[in-house]
Amino acid sequence: MAKYSRLEVVAVMKETGMVPLFFHSNVELGKQVLKACYDGGARLMEFTSRGDFAHEVFAELNKYALKELPGMIMGVGSITDAAAASQYMLLGANFIVTPVFREDIAIACNRRKVLWSPGCGTLTEIARAEELGCEVVKLFPGDIYGPKFVKGILGPQPWTSIMPTGGVTPEESNLKGWFDAGVVCVGMGSQLISKEILANKDFEGLKSKVAEALAIIKKVKS
């Protein structure tokens, strides 16, 4: 069962401006990644469900976060059906992120008042998602659409909260482009938690990278 309400999750998304994305089948490595991101200032983590027995890994990481990392909000991404969303919510997922827009996932999450962030690519999809209670829309793949698309969407719909994933990098020029366009938050995966960092187990480097990205976001938002 989720520890944080969807409004609490939205508040942290808007406050910190970044959701790191990560998947690895090794639980101990996952704990070190989580702690490095936490120590760097991140308070959200999207565990992408992309491997066999991923739910078992998530369960252990969420238990670890609840016990050792106060205020760390764990959610799950790459969810494509309501059954998977329900399974992860039973394991304590505080938010559900999807690559596609599906009403069955909306219904499952809304029933438990858990934040769901669907991958949308048109204004019609975004409007329909909001009609179904979506608080933060995931723009995916972000690099295909770009900041100009965000700015265009917010013209007729200034109330829409957008989180691009894909095409977001920790560089100031990239982050400034997105936040100047009006996004409330960004999702960042391999550009932040790189294969090199994982291979070298450079968790101090990851901590610094997260801290630097959050500092840039705070700067460009002000």
C-alpha atoms as a PDB file:
ATOM      1  CA  MET A   1       0.000   0.000   0.000  1.00  0.00           C
ATOM      2  CA  ALA A   2       1.305   3.457  -0.918  1.00  0.00           C
ATOM      3  CA  LYS A   3       2.710   5.525   1.935  1.00  0.00           C
ATOM      4  CA  TYR A   4       2.371   8.838   0.094  1.00  0.00           C
ATOM      5  CA  SER A   5      -0.802  10.280  -1.409  1.00  0.00           C
ATOM      6  CA  ARG A   6      -0.816  11.338  -5.033  1.00  0.00           C
ATOM      7  CA  LEU A   7      -0.896  15.004  -4.030  1.00  0.00           C
ATOM      8  CA  GLU A   8       2.144  14.502  -1.800  1.00  0.00           C
ATOM      9  CA  VAL A   9       3.981  12.850  -4.710  1.00  0.00           C
ATOM     10  CA  VAL A  10       3.052  15.697  -7.064  1.00  0.00           C
ATOM     11  CA  ALA A  11       4.314  18.237  -4.528  1.00  0.00           C
ATOM     12  CA  VAL A  12       7.715  16.537  -4.332  1.00  0.00           C
ATOM     13  CA  MET A  13       7.877  16.232  -8.129  1.00  0.00           C
ATOM     14  CA  LYS A  14       7.306  19.968  -8.467  1.00  0.00           C
ATOM     15  CA  GLU A  15       9.605  20.852  -5.570  1.00  0.00           C
ATOM     16  CA  THR A  16      12.642  18.828  -6.669  1.00  0.00           C
ATOM     17  CA  GLY A  17      11.941  18.875 -10.402  1.00  0.00           C
ATOM     18  CA  MET A  18      13.520  15.508 -11.169  1.00  0.00           C
ATOM     19  CA  VAL A  19      12.672  11.805 -11.074  1.00  0.00           C
ATOM     20  CA  PRO A  20      15.655   9.484 -11.607  1.00  0.00           C
ATOM     21  CA  LEU A  21      14.829   6.272 -13.551  1.00  0.00           C
ATOM     22  CA  PHE A  22      16.625   3.025 -12.887  1.00  0.00           C
ATOM     23  CA  PHE A  23      16.490  -0.732 -13.308  1.00  0.00           C
ATOM     24  CA  HIS A  24      18.920  -3.448 -12.318  1.00  0.00           C
ATOM     25  CA  SER A  25      18.281  -7.038 -11.311  1.00  0.00           C
ATOM     26  CA  ASN A  26      20.829  -6.897  -8.474  1.00  0.00           C
ATOM     27  CA  VAL A  27      19.139  -5.804  -5.258  1.00  0.00           C
ATOM     28  CA  GLU A  28      22.336  -4.795  -3.449  1.00  0.00           C
ATOM     29  CA  LEU A  29      23.469  -2.674  -6.373  1.00  0.00           C
ATOM     30  CA  GLY A  30      20.009  -1.134  -6.473  1.00  0.00           C
ATOM     31  CA  LYS A  31      20.250  -0.179  -2.804  1.00  0.00           C
ATOM     32  CA  GLN A  32      23.558   1.588  -3.433  1.00  0.00           C
ATOM     33  CA  VAL A  33      22.099   3.469  -6.385  1.00  0.00           C
ATOM     34  CA  LEU A  34      19.103   4.470  -4.286  1.00  0.00           C
ATOM     35  CA  LYS A  35      21.281   5.727  -1.441  1.00  0.00           C
ATOM     36  CA  ALA A  36      23.554   7.660  -3.786  1.00  0.00           C
ATOM     37  CA  CYS A  37      20.553   9.395  -5.374  1.00  0.00           C
ATOM     38  CA  TYR A  38      19.071  10.051  -1.933  1.00  0.00           C
ATOM     39  CA  ASP A  39      22.337  11.458  -0.573  1.00  0.00           C
ATOM     40  CA  GLY A  40      22.530  13.651  -3.677  1.00  0.00           C
ATOM     41  CA  GLY A  41      19.151  15.161  -2.799  1.00  0.00           C
ATOM     42  CA  ALA A  42      16.691  13.125  -4.893  1.00  0.00           C
ATOM     43  CA  ARG A  43      13.461  12.249  -3.119  1.00  0.00           C
ATOM     44  CA  LEU A  44      11.827  10.230  -5.889  1.00  0.00           C
ATOM     45  CA  MET A  45      12.890   7.118  -7.762  1.00  0.00           C
ATOM     46  CA  GLU A  46      11.138   5.453 -10.677  1.00  0.00           C
ATOM     47  CA  PHE A  47      12.074   1.787 -10.768  1.00  0.00           C
ATOM     48  CA  THR A  48      11.526   0.710 -14.365  1.00  0.00           C
ATOM     49  CA  SER A  49       9.900  -2.715 -14.550  1.00  0.00           C
ATOM     50  CA  ARG A  50      11.889  -4.184 -17.411  1.00  0.00           C
ATOM     51  CA  GLY A  51      13.279  -7.526 -16.320  1.00  0.00           C
ATOM     52  CA  ASP A  52      12.223 -10.928 -15.061  1.00  0.00           C
ATOM     53  CA  PHE A  53      11.231 -10.917 -11.375  1.00  0.00           C
ATOM     54  CA  ALA A  54      11.446  -7.109 -11.374  1.00  0.00           C
ATOM     55  CA  HIS A  55       8.627  -6.948  -8.834  1.00  0.00           C
ATOM     56  CA  GLU A  56      10.727  -8.929  -6.365  1.00  0.00           C
ATOM     57  CA  VAL A  57      13.600  -6.484  -6.750  1.00  0.00           C
ATOM     58  CA  PHE A  58      11.267  -3.528  -6.298  1.00  0.00           C
ATOM     59  CA  ALA A  59       9.797  -5.034  -3.129  1.00  0.00           C
ATOM     60  CA  GLU A  60      13.242  -5.235  -1.545  1.00  0.00           C
ATOM     61  CA  LEU A  61      14.242  -1.752  -2.655  1.00  0.00           C
ATOM     62  CA  ASN A  62      11.026  -0.237  -1.339  1.00  0.00           C
ATOM     63  CA  LYS A  63      11.483  -1.962   2.029  1.00  0.00           C
ATOM     64  CA  TYR A  64      15.016  -0.601   2.140  1.00  0.00           C
ATOM     65  CA  ALA A  65      13.851   2.932   1.297  1.00  0.00           C
ATOM     66  CA  LEU A  66      11.105   2.841   3.924  1.00  0.00           C
ATOM     67  CA  LYS A  67      13.551   1.687   6.591  1.00  0.00           C
ATOM     68  CA  GLU A  68      16.747   3.547   5.734  1.00  0.00           C
ATOM     69  CA  LEU A  69      15.869   6.546   3.529  1.00  0.00           C
ATOM     70  CA  PRO A  70      13.226   8.748   5.184  1.00  0.00           C
ATOM     71  CA  GLY A  71      11.178  10.668   2.627  1.00  0.00           C
ATOM     72  CA  MET A  72      12.336   8.664  -0.387  1.00  0.00           C
ATOM     73  CA  ILE A  73       9.288   8.048  -2.586  1.00  0.00           C
ATOM     74  CA  MET A  74       9.467   4.875  -4.660  1.00  0.00           C
ATOM     75  CA  GLY A  75       7.397   4.406  -7.794  1.00  0.00           C
ATOM     76  CA  VAL A  76       7.412   2.114 -10.813  1.00  0.00           C
ATOM     77  CA  GLY A  77       7.692   2.810 -14.543  1.00  0.00           C
ATOM     78  CA  SER A  78       7.282   0.899 -17.812  1.00  0.00           C
ATOM     79  CA  ILE A  79       3.880  -0.384 -16.673  1.00  0.00           C
ATOM     80  CA  THR A  80       1.627  -1.387 -19.576  1.00  0.00           C
ATOM     81  CA  ASP A  81      -1.481  -2.915 -17.989  1.00  0.00           C
ATOM     82  CA  ALA A  82      -3.682  -2.629 -14.925  1.00  0.00           C
ATOM     83  CA  ALA A  83      -2.668  -6.025 -13.523  1.00  0.00           C
ATOM     84  CA  ALA A  84       0.971  -4.980 -13.314  1.00  0.00           C
ATOM     85  CA  ALA A  85       0.003  -1.630 -11.795  1.00  0.00           C
ATOM     86  CA  SER A  86      -2.057  -3.400  -9.133  1.00  0.00           C
ATOM     87  CA  GLN A  87       0.752  -5.821  -8.375  1.00  0.00           C
ATOM     88  CA  TYR A  88       3.217  -3.007  -7.758  1.00  0.00           C
ATOM     89  CA  MET A  89       0.754  -0.992  -5.709  1.00  0.00           C
ATOM     90  CA  LEU A  90       0.339  -4.022  -3.444  1.00  0.00           C
ATOM     91  CA  LEU A  91       4.120  -3.852  -2.989  1.00  0.00           C
ATOM     92  CA  GLY A  92       3.883  -0.213  -1.928  1.00  0.00           C
ATOM     93  CA  ALA A  93       4.470   1.710  -5.154  1.00  0.00           C
ATOM     94  CA  ASN A  94       3.642   5.374  -4.557  1.00  0.00           C
ATOM     95  CA  PHE A  95       3.272   6.264  -8.226  1.00  0.00           C
ATOM     96  CA  ILE A  96       2.851   4.437 -11.518  1.00  0.00           C
ATOM     97  CA  VAL A  97       4.426   5.657 -14.762  1.00  0.00           C
ATOM     98  CA  THR A  98       3.455   4.219 -18.139  1.00  0.00           C
ATOM     99  CA  PRO A  99       4.896   4.553 -21.659  1.00  0.00           C
ATOM    100  CA  VAL A 100       1.343   4.638 -23.055  1.00  0.00           C
ATOM    101  CA  PHE A 101      -2.055   6.042 -22.106  1.00  0.00           C
ATOM    102  CA  ARG A 102      -4.424   3.305 -20.883  1.00  0.00           C
ATOM    103  CA  GLU A 103      -7.720   3.866 -19.131  1.00  0.00           C
ATOM    104  CA  ASP A 104      -7.542   0.533 -17.275  1.00  0.00           C
ATOM    105  CA  ILE A 105      -4.397   1.719 -15.489  1.00  0.00           C
ATOM    106  CA  ALA A 106      -6.079   5.022 -14.649  1.00  0.00           C
ATOM    107  CA  ILE A 107      -8.997   3.214 -13.056  1.00  0.00           C
ATOM    108  CA  ALA A 108      -6.774   0.858 -11.044  1.00  0.00           C
ATOM    109  CA  CYS A 109      -4.633   3.699  -9.705  1.00  0.00           C
ATOM    110  CA  ASN A 110      -7.510   6.096  -9.028  1.00  0.00           C
ATOM    111  CA  ARG A 111      -9.278   3.402  -7.024  1.00  0.00           C
ATOM    112  CA  ARG A 112      -6.318   3.459  -4.619  1.00  0.00           C
ATOM    113  CA  LYS A 113      -5.652   7.213  -4.983  1.00  0.00           C
ATOM    114  CA  VAL A 114      -2.175   6.496  -6.312  1.00  0.00           C
ATOM    115  CA  LEU A 115      -0.557   8.936  -8.740  1.00  0.00           C
ATOM    116  CA  TRP A 116      -0.358   7.663 -12.315  1.00  0.00           C
ATOM    117  CA  SER A 117       1.617   9.411 -15.025  1.00  0.00           C
ATOM    118  CA  PRO A 118       0.751   8.155 -18.523  1.00  0.00           C
ATOM    119  CA  GLY A 119       2.947   8.523 -21.573  1.00  0.00           C
ATOM    120  CA  CYS A 120       1.122  10.879 -23.938  1.00  0.00           C
ATOM    121  CA  GLY A 121       2.067  12.309 -27.321  1.00  0.00           C
ATOM    122  CA  THR A 122      -0.891  14.422 -28.427  1.00  0.00           C
ATOM    123  CA  LEU A 123      -2.998  17.162 -26.918  1.00  0.00           C
ATOM    124  CA  THR A 124      -6.040  14.897 -27.230  1.00  0.00           C
ATOM    125  CA  GLU A 125      -4.339  12.155 -25.203  1.00  0.00           C
ATOM    126  CA  ILE A 126      -3.254  14.672 -22.586  1.00  0.00           C
ATOM    127  CA  ALA A 127      -6.759  16.125 -22.271  1.00  0.00           C
ATOM    128  CA  ARG A 128      -8.310  12.658 -21.949  1.00  0.00           C
ATOM    129  CA  ALA A 129      -5.744  11.654 -19.315  1.00  0.00           C
ATOM    130  CA  GLU A 130      -6.589  14.750 -17.298  1.00  0.00           C
ATOM    131  CA  GLU A 131     -10.295  13.972 -17.581  1.00  0.00           C
ATOM    132  CA  LEU A 132      -9.433  10.660 -15.921  1.00  0.00           C
ATOM    133  CA  GLY A 133      -7.653  12.400 -13.046  1.00  0.00           C
ATOM    134  CA  CYS A 134      -4.044  12.588 -14.255  1.00  0.00           C
ATOM    135  CA  GLU A 135      -2.019  15.135 -12.263  1.00  0.00           C
ATOM    136  CA  VAL A 136       1.298  14.930 -14.149  1.00  0.00           C
ATOM    137  CA  VAL A 137       1.498  13.857 -17.784  1.00  0.00           C
ATOM    138  CA  LYS A 138       4.575  12.041 -19.010  1.00  0.00           C
ATOM    139  CA  LEU A 139       5.735  13.353 -22.394  1.00  0.00           C
ATOM    140  CA  PHE A 140       7.321  10.356 -24.073  1.00  0.00           C
ATOM    141  CA  PRO A 141       9.606  10.044 -25.899  1.00  0.00           C
ATOM    142  CA  GLY A 142      10.634  13.550 -24.913  1.00  0.00           C
ATOM    143  CA  ASP A 143      13.440  13.934 -27.437  1.00  0.00           C
ATOM    144  CA  ILE A 144      10.995  13.410 -30.322  1.00  0.00           C
ATOM    145  CA  TYR A 145       8.728  16.241 -29.168  1.00  0.00           C
ATOM    146  CA  GLY A 146      11.133  18.689 -27.499  1.00  0.00           C
ATOM    147  CA  PRO A 147      10.546  21.872 -25.465  1.00  0.00           C
ATOM    148  CA  LYS A 148       8.677  23.594 -28.316  1.00  0.00           C
ATOM    149  CA  PHE A 149       5.950  20.959 -28.090  1.00  0.00           C
ATOM    150  CA  VAL A 150       5.599  21.612 -24.347  1.00  0.00           C
ATOM    151  CA  LYS A 151       5.295  25.346 -24.926  1.00  0.00           C
ATOM    152  CA  GLY A 152       2.678  24.715 -27.602  1.00  0.00           C
ATOM    153  CA  ILE A 153       0.614  22.497 -25.298  1.00  0.00           C
ATOM    154  CA  LEU A 154       0.662  25.004 -22.460  1.00  0.00           C
ATOM    155  CA  GLY A 155      -0.741  27.737 -24.700  1.00  0.00           C
ATOM    156  CA  PRO A 156      -4.309  26.377 -24.742  1.00  0.00           C
ATOM    157  CA  GLN A 157      -3.830  24.297 -21.556  1.00  0.00           C
ATOM    158  CA  PRO A 158      -1.755  26.297 -19.029  1.00  0.00           C
ATOM    159  CA  TRP A 159      -3.034  24.056 -16.224  1.00  0.00           C
ATOM    160  CA  THR A 160      -1.305  20.967 -17.628  1.00  0.00           C
ATOM    161  CA  SER A 161       1.694  19.587 -15.694  1.00  0.00           C
ATOM    162  CA  ILE A 162       4.227  17.891 -17.967  1.00  0.00           C
ATOM    163  CA  MET A 163       7.177  15.616 -17.188  1.00  0.00           C
ATOM    164  CA  PRO A 164       9.330  14.757 -20.228  1.00  0.00           C
ATOM    165  CA  THR A 165      11.269  11.493 -20.188  1.00  0.00           C
ATOM    166  CA  GLY A 166      13.774  10.639 -22.894  1.00  0.00           C
ATOM    167  CA  GLY A 167      15.993  13.339 -24.319  1.00  0.00           C
ATOM    168  CA  VAL A 168      16.640  14.908 -20.917  1.00  0.00           C
ATOM    169  CA  THR A 169      20.296  15.329 -19.920  1.00  0.00           C
ATOM    170  CA  PRO A 170      21.974  16.850 -16.827  1.00  0.00           C
ATOM    171  CA  GLU A 171      23.509  19.731 -18.804  1.00  0.00           C
ATOM    172  CA  GLU A 172      22.279  23.221 -17.936  1.00  0.00           C
ATOM    173  CA  SER A 173      21.393  24.102 -21.542  1.00  0.00           C
ATOM    174  CA  ASN A 174      19.161  21.040 -21.844  1.00  0.00           C
ATOM    175  CA  LEU A 175      17.439  21.492 -18.495  1.00  0.00           C
ATOM    176  CA  LYS A 176      16.975  25.221 -19.043  1.00  0.00           C
ATOM    177  CA  GLY A 177      15.282  24.515 -22.383  1.00  0.00           C
ATOM    178  CA  TRP A 178      12.756  22.179 -20.782  1.00  0.00           C
ATOM    179  CA  PHE A 179      11.972  24.301 -17.727  1.00  0.00           C
ATOM    180  CA  ASP A 180      11.809  27.533 -19.716  1.00  0.00           C
ATOM    181  CA  ALA A 181       9.194  25.776 -21.867  1.00  0.00           C
ATOM    182  CA  GLY A 182       7.128  25.109 -18.752  1.00  0.00           C
ATOM    183  CA  VAL A 183       7.698  21.527 -17.573  1.00  0.00           C
ATOM    184  CA  VAL A 184       7.182  20.899 -13.856  1.00  0.00           C
ATOM    185  CA  CYS A 185       9.557  17.963 -13.641  1.00  0.00           C
ATOM    186  CA  VAL A 186      11.879  15.813 -15.756  1.00  0.00           C
ATOM    187  CA  GLY A 187      12.536  12.086 -15.796  1.00  0.00           C
ATOM    188  CA  MET A 188      16.170  11.101 -16.276  1.00  0.00           C
ATOM    189  CA  GLY A 189      17.555   7.604 -16.733  1.00  0.00           C
ATOM    190  CA  SER A 190      20.817   6.526 -18.367  1.00  0.00           C
ATOM    191  CA  GLN A 191      21.950  10.114 -18.856  1.00  0.00           C
ATOM    192  CA  LEU A 192      22.064  10.346 -15.058  1.00  0.00           C
ATOM    193  CA  ILE A 193      22.631   6.758 -13.904  1.00  0.00           C
ATOM    194  CA  SER A 194      24.963   5.668 -16.681  1.00  0.00           C
ATOM    195  CA  LYS A 195      26.272   2.212 -17.541  1.00  0.00           C
ATOM    196  CA  GLU A 196      29.757   3.452 -16.656  1.00  0.00           C
ATOM    197  CA  ILE A 197      28.662   4.495 -13.181  1.00  0.00           C
ATOM    198  CA  LEU A 198      27.080   1.096 -12.607  1.00  0.00           C
ATOM    199  CA  ALA A 199      30.019  -0.851 -14.068  1.00  0.00           C
ATOM    200  CA  ASN A 200      32.531   1.072 -11.958  1.00  0.00           C
ATOM    201  CA  LYS A 201      30.230   1.231  -8.930  1.00  0.00           C
ATOM    202  CA  ASP A 202      30.990   4.934  -8.785  1.00  0.00           C
ATOM    203  CA  PHE A 203      28.311   5.804  -6.269  1.00  0.00           C
ATOM    204  CA  GLU A 204      30.112   8.909  -5.019  1.00  0.00           C
ATOM    205  CA  GLY A 205      30.179  10.106  -8.615  1.00  0.00           C
ATOM    206  CA  LEU A 206      26.458   9.395  -8.941  1.00  0.00           C
ATOM    207  CA  LYS A 207      25.744  11.295  -5.739  1.00  0.00           C
ATOM    208  CA  SER A 208      27.612  14.316  -7.110  1.00  0.00           C
ATOM    209  CA  LYS A 209      25.895  14.063 -10.489  1.00  0.00           C
ATOM    210  CA  VAL A 210      22.457  14.008  -8.876  1.00  0.00           C
ATOM    211  CA  ALA A 211      23.315  16.953  -6.635  1.00  0.00           C
ATOM    212  CA  GLU A 212      24.614  18.945  -9.606  1.00  0.00           C
ATOM    213  CA  ALA A 213      21.509  18.228 -11.690  1.00  0.00           C
ATOM    214  CA  LEU A 214      19.187  19.255  -8.849  1.00  0.00           C
ATOM    215  CA  ALA A 215      21.189  22.457  -8.309  1.00  0.00           C
ATOM    216  CA  ILE A 216      20.893  23.311 -12.005  1.00  0.00           C
ATOM    217  CA  ILE A 217      17.137  22.648 -11.935  1.00  0.00           C
ATOM    218  CA  LYS A 218      16.729  24.913  -8.903  1.00  0.00           C
ATOM    219  CA  LYS A 219      18.694  27.615 -10.725  1.00  0.00           C
ATOM    220  CA  VAL A 220      16.801  27.452 -14.024  1.00  0.00           C
ATOM    221  CA  LYS A 221      13.430  27.319 -12.258  1.00  0.00           C
ATOM    222  CA  SER A 222      14.081  30.489 -10.250  1.00  0.00           C
END
